[in-house]
């Protein structure tokens, strides 16, 4: 009897629909961020098993104001959050200021954009592929991305198209203050 009830519940409430992150509009992501910055990770600190913080240095402030070039950004290990732990990669971060002056990602996993570096000497060739949780950002301005065909990371799926945001495009977008007209 218990197996029948479990089977019926599985049909009524599929687990994969519960685990999907909710989409967010680009406008919401920008508006809910006190600071948006292109940053370099300076240090990573683990507080406990699932929490930590990273100290990041602002390379370019895109939105907001900051009292310091170094920001303390708290993160957690979870299915809806992305830790800032790749010390060799730069990031574009969408952050909310906490009461104690530190920061946290403004909208869970959609606020942490890790750059893939094509050529570390030429920063203009850096990009972010909006995959996984990042592909849930809706109404992204067309000028920020191009659709590119990318290889699958395994042998079981075919290549697929992904929105690729070039760092130079996002820097230009905020420098021109286009976010103010959202």
Protein backbone atom coordinates (compact mmCIF):
# COMPACT_ATOMS: atom_id res chain seq x y z
CA UNK A 1 0.00 0.00 0.00
CA UNK A 2 2.82 2.40 0.88
CA UNK A 3 4.45 1.73 -2.50
CA UNK A 4 1.23 2.64 -4.32
CA UNK A 5 0.91 5.92 -2.39
CA UNK A 6 4.57 6.74 -3.08
CA UNK A 7 4.08 6.01 -6.79
CA UNK A 8 0.99 8.23 -6.99
CA UNK A 9 2.78 11.07 -5.16
CA UNK A 10 5.72 10.76 -7.55
CA UNK A 11 3.35 11.17 -10.50
CA UNK A 12 1.59 14.14 -8.93
CA UNK A 13 4.73 15.97 -7.75
CA UNK A 14 7.70 15.26 -10.02
CA UNK A 15 10.95 16.08 -8.22
CA UNK A 16 12.61 17.60 -11.25
CA UNK A 17 10.03 20.40 -11.30
CA UNK A 18 10.75 21.22 -7.65
CA UNK A 19 14.51 21.47 -8.22
CA UNK A 20 14.41 23.87 -11.16
CA UNK A 21 15.50 27.43 -10.39
CA UNK A 22 12.95 30.12 -11.03
CA UNK A 23 13.55 32.45 -13.98
CA UNK A 24 14.29 36.11 -13.38
CA UNK A 25 14.08 39.14 -15.65
CA UNK A 26 17.32 40.99 -16.47
CA UNK A 27 15.71 44.18 -15.15
CA UNK A 28 15.03 42.51 -11.78
CA UNK A 29 18.60 41.22 -11.49
CA UNK A 30 20.03 44.69 -12.13
CA UNK A 31 17.51 46.52 -9.90
CA UNK A 32 17.98 44.10 -6.97
CA UNK A 33 21.76 44.62 -7.05
CA UNK A 34 23.30 47.39 -4.96
CA UNK A 35 26.66 46.78 -6.60
CA UNK A 36 27.56 45.19 -9.93
CA UNK A 37 31.29 44.76 -10.44
CA UNK A 38 33.92 43.04 -12.54
CA UNK A 39 36.20 41.53 -9.88
CA UNK A 40 39.28 39.43 -9.22
CA UNK A 41 39.26 36.91 -6.36
CA UNK A 42 41.98 37.65 -3.78
CA UNK A 43 41.21 35.10 -1.06
CA UNK A 44 38.73 32.40 -0.13
CA UNK A 45 37.67 31.56 3.44
CA UNK A 46 35.55 28.66 4.64
CA UNK A 47 33.40 29.48 7.67
CA UNK A 48 31.83 26.03 8.13
CA UNK A 49 30.82 23.02 6.04
CA UNK A 50 28.49 24.94 3.74
CA UNK A 51 29.34 28.64 4.14
CA UNK A 52 32.24 30.89 3.38
CA UNK A 53 33.29 34.21 1.99
CA UNK A 54 35.65 35.49 -0.65
CA UNK A 55 37.55 38.73 -0.66
CA UNK A 56 37.42 40.20 -4.14
CA UNK A 57 39.11 43.25 -5.61
CA UNK A 58 37.07 45.49 -7.88
CA UNK A 59 38.62 45.77 -11.32
CA UNK A 60 35.73 47.86 -12.62
CA UNK A 61 32.63 49.05 -10.75
CA UNK A 62 29.67 48.81 -13.13
CA UNK A 63 26.80 49.92 -10.87
CA UNK A 64 26.58 51.37 -7.38
CA UNK A 65 29.17 52.76 -5.01
CA UNK A 66 31.71 51.08 -2.77
CA UNK A 67 33.79 52.44 0.11
CA UNK A 68 36.60 50.02 -0.67
CA UNK A 69 38.28 48.31 -3.60
CA UNK A 70 38.16 45.03 -1.64
CA UNK A 71 34.73 43.51 -0.96
CA UNK A 72 33.89 40.65 1.38
CA UNK A 73 31.29 38.48 -0.38
CA UNK A 74 29.52 35.73 1.59
CA UNK A 75 28.33 32.58 -0.21
CA UNK A 76 26.92 29.19 0.64
CA UNK A 77 27.13 25.75 -0.88
CA UNK A 78 23.64 24.83 -2.00
CA UNK A 79 21.62 24.01 -5.07
CA UNK A 80 20.53 27.65 -5.46
CA UNK A 81 23.83 29.38 -4.75
CA UNK A 82 27.21 29.43 -6.45
CA UNK A 83 30.31 29.78 -4.28
CA UNK A 84 33.02 32.18 -5.40
CA UNK A 85 35.93 29.78 -5.12
CA UNK A 86 37.79 29.85 -8.44
CA UNK A 87 40.79 31.97 -7.56
CA UNK A 88 42.24 31.87 -11.08
CA UNK A 89 39.06 33.21 -12.70
CA UNK A 90 37.59 36.69 -12.69
CA UNK A 91 33.88 37.27 -12.11
CA UNK A 92 31.07 39.68 -12.81
CA UNK A 93 29.09 39.85 -9.56
CA UNK A 94 25.60 41.20 -8.86
CA UNK A 95 25.61 41.96 -5.11
CA UNK A 96 23.39 43.15 -2.26
CA UNK A 97 24.93 44.99 0.66
CA UNK A 98 24.34 43.38 4.06
CA UNK A 99 23.80 45.37 7.27
CA UNK A 100 27.39 44.70 8.41
CA UNK A 101 28.86 46.21 5.22
CA UNK A 102 29.73 42.90 3.58
CA UNK A 103 27.95 41.59 0.48
CA UNK A 104 26.02 38.58 -0.75
CA UNK A 105 24.81 37.54 -4.22
CA UNK A 106 21.67 39.55 -4.97
CA UNK A 107 19.62 36.78 -6.63
CA UNK A 108 21.06 33.38 -5.68
CA UNK A 109 22.95 31.53 -8.41
CA UNK A 110 22.11 34.07 -11.12
CA UNK A 111 24.34 36.71 -9.49
CA UNK A 112 27.70 34.99 -9.91
CA UNK A 113 29.10 35.04 -13.46
CA UNK A 114 32.48 33.27 -13.70
CA UNK A 115 34.50 34.32 -16.74
CA UNK A 116 36.05 31.76 -19.03
CA UNK A 117 39.39 33.08 -20.18
CA UNK A 118 40.27 32.53 -23.81
CA UNK A 119 43.54 34.45 -23.53
CA UNK A 120 44.58 35.85 -20.17
CA UNK A 121 46.71 38.58 -21.80
CA UNK A 122 43.75 39.91 -23.78
CA UNK A 123 40.98 40.63 -21.25
CA UNK A 124 38.62 41.70 -24.05
CA UNK A 125 38.36 38.07 -25.17
CA UNK A 126 36.91 36.88 -21.85
CA UNK A 127 33.35 35.62 -21.84
CA UNK A 128 30.58 34.05 -19.75
CA UNK A 129 28.42 31.24 -21.13
CA UNK A 130 24.94 31.54 -19.65
CA UNK A 131 24.32 27.88 -18.83
CA UNK A 132 22.61 26.04 -15.98
CA UNK A 133 21.03 28.58 -13.60
CA UNK A 134 22.27 31.54 -15.63
CA UNK A 135 20.17 30.52 -18.63
CA UNK A 136 17.11 31.36 -16.52
CA UNK A 137 17.81 35.10 -16.91
CA UNK A 138 15.07 36.35 -19.21
CA UNK A 139 14.90 39.49 -21.38
CA UNK A 140 18.68 39.80 -21.55
CA UNK A 141 19.44 42.68 -23.94
CA UNK A 142 20.46 41.38 -27.38
CA UNK A 143 23.56 43.59 -27.40
CA UNK A 144 25.05 41.63 -24.50
CA UNK A 145 25.22 38.17 -26.04
CA UNK A 146 25.55 36.08 -29.15
CA UNK A 147 24.34 32.51 -29.65
CA UNK A 148 27.22 30.10 -30.10
CA UNK A 149 27.35 26.38 -30.69
CA UNK A 150 29.26 24.66 -27.89
CA UNK A 151 30.40 21.10 -27.41
CA UNK A 152 28.81 18.86 -24.85
CA UNK A 153 30.99 17.87 -21.93
CA UNK A 154 30.05 14.20 -22.34
CA UNK A 155 29.54 11.62 -25.07
CA UNK A 156 25.80 11.23 -24.49
CA UNK A 157 24.50 14.58 -25.67
CA UNK A 158 25.04 16.63 -28.81
CA UNK A 159 26.43 20.11 -29.11
CA UNK A 160 23.99 22.86 -28.16
CA UNK A 161 23.53 26.62 -28.47
CA UNK A 162 24.31 28.85 -25.53
CA UNK A 163 24.12 32.61 -24.89
CA UNK A 164 27.71 33.86 -24.72
CA UNK A 165 28.23 37.23 -23.03
CA UNK A 166 31.55 38.85 -23.85
CA UNK A 167 33.10 40.85 -21.03
CA UNK A 168 33.66 43.82 -23.35
CA UNK A 169 29.90 43.88 -24.13
CA UNK A 170 28.82 43.97 -20.49
CA UNK A 171 31.44 46.61 -19.60
CA UNK A 172 30.27 48.77 -22.51
CA UNK A 173 26.59 48.28 -21.57
CA UNK A 174 27.11 49.64 -18.06
CA UNK A 175 29.62 52.32 -19.12
CA UNK A 176 26.98 53.69 -21.51
CA UNK A 177 24.47 53.55 -18.59
CA UNK A 178 21.96 51.56 -20.66
CA UNK A 179 20.77 49.84 -17.48
CA UNK A 180 19.20 53.13 -16.38
CA UNK A 181 16.59 52.91 -19.15
CA UNK A 182 15.22 49.52 -18.06
